[in-house]
Amino acid sequence: MSGLSKPTKTPEPGGFNTDPDPIAAPAYQAPASGDGGWSRPALVRTSVIPIALGGRPLKQRWLAAVGAAGLMATIGEMAFRWGVWWFWLVVPSGFACFIGYRLIRKGFVRLADLINVESDPSGRVYLTTLSGDCPVCNGEVKLKGVGPKQHIKTVIQCTADSTHRWEFDPARLDKL
């Protein structure tokens, strides 16, 4: 059977030929960083201000508890008296309750693209500022809120070139 050639596999329609070809180019491998080949910028805390009341550090659970108590007192007062003063208590109480709850859940809260509130593992609360260097163009990176008002997402963005952008995950930050 000298005239017979070795049978070859024909690829299925829409499929790929699985025969190894020593001349073919190596398969594409995604960059290790997962960010399109750009390494993730390292954010550092340039400012850490502990929040203290009466010389004692503010704790995230205290913040949530005092906020919830203020809301309950305000709601109770509204049920009996319909004065206007309750508004001045409901706003700060709701704000404190929200921040305390978010700190308990995530340990990081970003407020109005201006202020970062963080808590350490023991529950103490801090105001922080984060920044770093862009690994692409050596500009400065900061946190930025992007997207429509209802679905704002916090990202790490270069101040020199807004196309240099990375997803922000507060869990990747060093512990306080």
Protein backbone atom coordinates (compact mmCIF):
# COMPACT_ATOMS: atom_id res chain seq x y z
CA MET A 1 0.00 0.00 0.00
CA SER A 2 2.57 2.47 -1.04
CA GLY A 3 0.20 4.72 -3.00
CA LEU A 4 -2.14 5.41 -0.10
CA SER A 5 -1.64 8.53 1.94
CA LYS A 6 -2.32 8.97 5.60
CA PRO A 7 -5.94 10.00 6.21
CA THR A 8 -6.38 13.55 7.51
CA LYS A 9 -9.06 14.89 9.79
CA THR A 10 -11.34 17.39 8.18
CA PRO A 11 -12.55 20.08 10.49
CA GLU A 12 -16.23 20.21 11.26
CA PRO A 13 -18.04 23.23 9.87
CA GLY A 14 -17.46 26.14 12.25
CA GLY A 15 -14.93 24.10 14.22
CA PHE A 16 -11.16 24.03 14.42
CA ASN A 17 -8.68 21.43 13.25
CA THR A 18 -7.26 19.86 16.39
CA ASP A 19 -4.18 18.33 14.73
CA PRO A 20 -1.04 19.84 16.19
CA ASP A 21 0.83 21.88 13.62
CA PRO A 22 4.46 22.57 14.52
CA ILE A 23 4.53 25.63 12.27
CA ALA A 24 1.40 27.28 13.72
CA ALA A 25 1.76 30.32 15.96
CA PRO A 26 1.51 29.74 19.70
CA ALA A 27 -1.88 30.29 21.29
CA TYR A 28 -2.63 33.75 22.65
CA GLN A 29 -2.33 34.09 26.42
CA ALA A 30 -4.01 36.92 28.28
CA PRO A 31 -1.74 39.24 30.24
CA ALA A 32 -1.19 38.20 33.83
CA SER A 33 -2.49 41.51 35.18
CA GLY A 34 -6.00 41.04 33.77
CA ASP A 35 -6.23 44.77 32.96
CA GLY A 36 -5.52 44.64 29.24
CA GLY A 37 -1.77 44.42 29.78
CA TRP A 38 -1.58 47.40 32.14
CA SER A 39 -0.42 46.73 35.63
CA ARG A 40 -2.74 47.95 38.38
CA PRO A 41 -1.59 51.17 40.05
CA ALA A 42 -0.71 50.96 43.71
CA LEU A 43 -2.87 53.31 45.75
CA VAL A 44 -1.37 54.70 48.94
CA ARG A 45 -3.03 56.65 51.72
CA THR A 46 -1.56 60.14 51.59
CA SER A 47 -3.64 61.30 54.54
CA VAL A 48 -5.17 59.32 57.42
CA ILE A 49 -7.13 61.32 60.00
CA PRO A 50 -8.61 59.37 62.93
CA ILE A 51 -12.04 60.56 64.02
CA ALA A 52 -12.33 60.93 67.79
CA LEU A 53 -15.02 62.28 70.08
CA GLY A 54 -13.92 63.42 73.52
CA GLY A 55 -10.51 61.83 73.05
CA ARG A 56 -11.98 58.39 72.28
CA PRO A 57 -11.83 56.94 68.76
CA LEU A 58 -15.14 56.72 66.94
CA LYS A 59 -16.13 53.12 66.16
CA GLN A 60 -18.18 51.99 63.17
CA ARG A 61 -20.74 50.17 65.36
CA TRP A 62 -21.23 53.24 67.56
CA LEU A 63 -21.81 55.35 64.47
CA ALA A 64 -24.46 52.94 63.16
CA ALA A 65 -26.10 52.55 66.59
CA VAL A 66 -26.29 56.28 67.36
CA GLY A 67 -27.60 56.96 63.85
CA ALA A 68 -30.27 54.26 64.17
CA ALA A 69 -31.26 55.52 67.64
CA GLY A 70 -31.56 59.07 66.30
CA LEU A 71 -33.74 57.86 63.44
CA MET A 72 -35.99 55.90 65.81
CA ALA A 73 -36.32 58.89 68.16
CA THR A 74 -37.13 61.17 65.26
CA ILE A 75 -39.74 58.79 63.86
CA GLY A 76 -41.27 58.42 67.31
CA GLU A 77 -41.38 62.17 67.77
CA MET A 78 -42.94 62.66 64.32
CA ALA A 79 -45.75 60.29 65.27
CA PHE A 80 -46.74 62.45 68.27
CA ARG A 81 -45.80 65.99 67.22
CA TRP A 82 -45.62 67.29 63.70
CA GLY A 83 -43.13 70.07 64.33
CA VAL A 84 -40.43 71.09 61.89
CA TRP A 85 -37.46 70.51 64.19
CA TRP A 86 -37.39 66.76 63.49
CA PHE A 87 -35.85 67.41 60.05
CA TRP A 88 -32.65 68.70 61.69
CA LEU A 89 -32.24 65.38 63.51
CA VAL A 90 -33.33 62.93 60.81
CA VAL A 91 -30.73 64.01 58.23
CA PRO A 92 -27.59 63.62 60.40
CA SER A 93 -28.99 60.49 62.05
CA GLY A 94 -29.72 58.87 58.70
CA PHE A 95 -26.30 59.89 57.41
CA ALA A 96 -24.54 58.42 60.48
CA CYS A 97 -26.57 55.21 60.28
CA PHE A 98 -25.78 54.80 56.56
CA ILE A 99 -22.03 55.39 56.99
CA GLY A 100 -21.81 53.10 60.03
CA TYR A 101 -23.68 50.30 58.24
CA ARG A 102 -21.53 50.57 55.10
CA LEU A 103 -18.33 50.57 57.19
CA ILE A 104 -19.47 47.42 58.98
CA ARG A 105 -20.20 45.73 55.63
CA LYS A 106 -17.30 46.93 53.47
CA GLY A 107 -14.89 48.96 55.61
CA PHE A 108 -14.84 51.73 52.99
CA VAL A 109 -17.29 54.50 52.03
CA ARG A 110 -16.75 57.14 49.36
CA LEU A 111 -18.87 60.25 49.81
CA ALA A 112 -19.69 62.65 46.97
CA ASP A 113 -16.37 62.07 45.17
CA LEU A 114 -14.68 64.07 47.93
CA ILE A 115 -14.23 62.11 51.15
CA ASN A 116 -13.16 58.54 51.88
CA VAL A 117 -14.27 57.10 55.21
CA GLU A 118 -12.54 53.86 56.22
CA SER A 119 -12.44 51.63 59.25
CA ASP A 120 -9.66 49.40 60.52
CA PRO A 121 -10.17 45.78 61.66
CA SER A 122 -10.86 46.94 65.24
CA GLY A 123 -13.67 49.23 63.98
CA ARG A 124 -12.04 52.66 64.43
CA VAL A 125 -13.13 55.22 61.81
CA TYR A 126 -10.76 57.38 59.71
CA LEU A 127 -10.99 60.02 56.98
CA THR A 128 -8.48 59.09 54.26
CA THR A 129 -7.08 60.38 50.98
CA LEU A 130 -5.86 57.89 48.34
CA SER A 131 -3.57 58.53 45.38
CA GLY A 132 -0.81 56.89 43.37
CA ASP A 133 1.17 56.92 40.13
CA CYS A 134 -0.20 55.81 36.77
CA PRO A 135 1.81 52.80 35.54
CA VAL A 136 1.07 53.74 31.90
CA CYS A 137 2.03 57.42 31.68
CA ASN A 138 3.47 58.23 35.14
CA GLY A 139 0.62 60.67 35.82
CA GLU A 140 -1.24 60.75 39.13
CA VAL A 141 -4.18 58.40 39.77
CA LYS A 142 -7.08 59.17 42.06
CA LEU A 143 -10.50 57.72 42.79
CA LYS A 144 -13.25 58.97 40.53
CA GLY A 145 -16.99 58.28 40.33
CA VAL A 146 -18.10 57.45 36.78
CA GLY A 147 -21.40 56.51 35.19
CA PRO A 148 -24.98 57.74 35.34
CA LYS A 149 -26.21 59.28 38.62
CA GLN A 150 -28.22 56.22 39.59
CA HIS A 151 -25.32 53.79 39.03
CA ILE A 152 -22.09 55.64 39.86
CA LYS A 153 -19.12 53.32 40.06
CA THR A 154 -15.85 54.24 41.77
CA VAL A 155 -12.76 53.63 39.62
CA ILE A 156 -9.06 54.44 39.75
CA GLN A 157 -8.45 57.03 37.03
CA CYS A 158 -5.38 58.89 35.79
CA THR A 159 -5.62 62.67 36.07
CA ALA A 160 -3.41 63.14 32.97
CA ASP A 161 -5.31 60.74 30.65
CA SER A 162 -8.86 59.70 31.53
CA THR A 163 -8.62 56.58 29.35
CA HIS A 164 -6.21 55.10 31.89
CA ARG A 165 -8.82 53.59 34.19
CA TRP A 166 -8.98 50.55 36.48
CA GLU A 167 -11.70 48.97 38.56
CA PHE A 168 -11.48 49.92 42.24
CA ASP A 169 -11.88 47.24 44.90
CA PRO A 170 -11.49 48.50 48.47
CA ALA A 171 -10.62 44.96 49.60
CA ARG A 172 -7.29 45.31 47.72
CA LEU A 173 -6.18 48.22 49.91
CA ASP A 174 -3.65 47.63 52.64
CA LYS A 175 -5.22 47.36 56.08
CA LEU A 176 -5.15 50.46 58.26
